[in-house]
Amino acid sequence: MTKRNGDSGTRDRSLQMDSSEVPEQANGKDQELEGGNINCDPEEGVEKVGCGPQGSAPMPGAVVAPDGGWGWVVLVATILVLALTLAFPSCVGIFYTDLQKEFQATNSQTSWVPSIMTSVLHAGGPFCSALVERFGCRATVMLGGVLSGFGMAASSFTNSITELYITAGIITGLGFCFSFQAAVTILGHYFVRRRTFANAMSSTGTALGLCTLPILGHYLNTELGWRGSFLVLGALLLNCCVCGALMRPLVPRRPRGQPLMPLKQPEPPRENGAGSGGARQGKSRGRALCASLGTSLRKHMAFDLFLKNLHYRVYSIGITWMMLGFVVPLVYLVPYATDNGMEPSEAALLLSILGIINIIVRPPIGLLFNLPWFKGRHIYVFSSALLVNGLSNSVCCVGASFPVLVVYVVMYGLSMSVVGSLMFTVLMQTVDMSAFPSALGLLAVMESVTLLIGPPLAGILVDRTGQYFHMFLVCSFVVASSGLYLMVSFYVLGQRDKKSAPKGQPLAVTDQDVSTQCQYSSVPTDGAKTQSEDHSV
């Protein structure tokens, strides 16, 4: 009996990682794993909780998702990164009129600045995936902070709208891409059971940026002008480096008996590549580099996943179409309000109200959608929110007074909160975490096309008609139709999966979301395990 107790205690203690090795995983690990029933992917590099021969204990060397501990610090850092990156392009509208006057540009020409910034933010996904694989999420987020800060600081010295396309659009947008996508990726590895809540909380970063950046931008523009404002904002974006420094990577489990400092293997002697041998070695390295670039492109663009996974293909097409009109109202809201006689301070306040609504609504939404009842229904809630968001744009056609636009931003903000809270959650449920970076990279590239052409097309429409009325109507149609497309498509796919699934077997949520060898399992106490062993004897 004593031996059985000792064995069960050993097995129970094996569920926890050494606190001196990974402090963030030491607190409350057994309580967080207990009673779970969530599948995870068994491939290398994916968090493996409850993985083992019987699914009762993690395999040695597996990366365990803390679902808490230092993960909360990573969550706060991700919120700040999203506040500085995703919300920034929408706040460029504060300087829209000043840029038009400075460079004598049309609506279409000026709208290319936030358009290129947003497009590069998404199109750089494959490069971000390659950097994450090579250097890790922490270094990638910090590199993004340096690039975005440098880009905005250089923008304050530009002399033409074309130079602004390069500095504020390409360089700053690429920095935003590295920081944003790497932060979202590492957050997905830190949280599994609480992933829906973590994603919803992280999406409040966009709301935080929408709430504070317009007011800050208006104040800086009033005091320093747009050039001085861009310089200060460039310094502010360097805080992404601080947030990235907090995103330390998860440490794999060290098998028992393995030394803390692994012994270095002796390196094989290197041959001198002199003469023709050195030339051949140089040519082989060049061919290997070209081959690795092609392989990396195929890997980080997830073309095979797009072709094989019908759920991911449908979702990617719907999101790509949605982005054609989703961000356009945020770019033109302030110019629309000021063009109709509203004070610039009141116009900036509209974006702040939008941000406040998102901050208040997103945390309870995250808790609500984390309930078991919503499992498998997130896509329908997401598509319904898109439908409401699209229809809300038609409110701007009623008038441009402050009360009407407040009603608009309230409706837009509520639906935007749901969309922002569930966008990455639905994607993570559509593909497993091992394929998430490449799936996000391909989706980001597809989004970048519509994000790039959306605001300029809207600007051309405004220039030719002289009114914003038609632009808001087109955005309403685009976003609402994408919501209907996703809702109907996933319903049809769900019905098809029910018919094709064998009777008596539970229906998987997605094609590859289920793993039969790696899953959460309840962890019995020492007493319960001892009683079960006594009965088995």
Foldseek 3Di string as FASTA:
>chain_A
DVVLLVVLVVLVVQQFFDCVVPVQQHPPNQVVLFPFWFFADPDPPAAFHQFDPVSRHDDFQHFHQRQTRLLVLLLVLLLQLLLLFVQVLLLCLLCQVVQCVQAVDFQLLSLLLSLLLLLLLLQCLLVLLVCCVVPNLLVQLLVLLLQLLQLLLVCLVDRHSVSSCVRRRNRNSNSSNSNNLSSLLLSCRNRDLLSLLSQLSSLLSSLVNLQPVLVLLNVCCVVPNSSSSSNVSSVVSSCSNVSSVSSDHGGGHHDPPADPDDDDDDDDDDDDCPDVSVVVVVVVVVVVVVVVVVVSCCQLQVPVCCVPFVLLVLLLVLLLLLLLQLSQCSSCQQVQLVVVPDDSVLSSVLSSLLSVLLNVPRNVVSVVCSDPVNVLVLLLLLLVLLLQLLQLLLLPLVDNDSVSSSVSSNSNSNSVSSNSSCVVVVVCLADHSVSSSSSSSNSSNSNSVSSSVRSSVQSVVCVVVVHNNVVSNVSSVRSNVSSVSSNVVVVVVVVVQVVPDDPPDDGRSTDPRHDPRGTRHRHDDSVVSVVVVVVVD
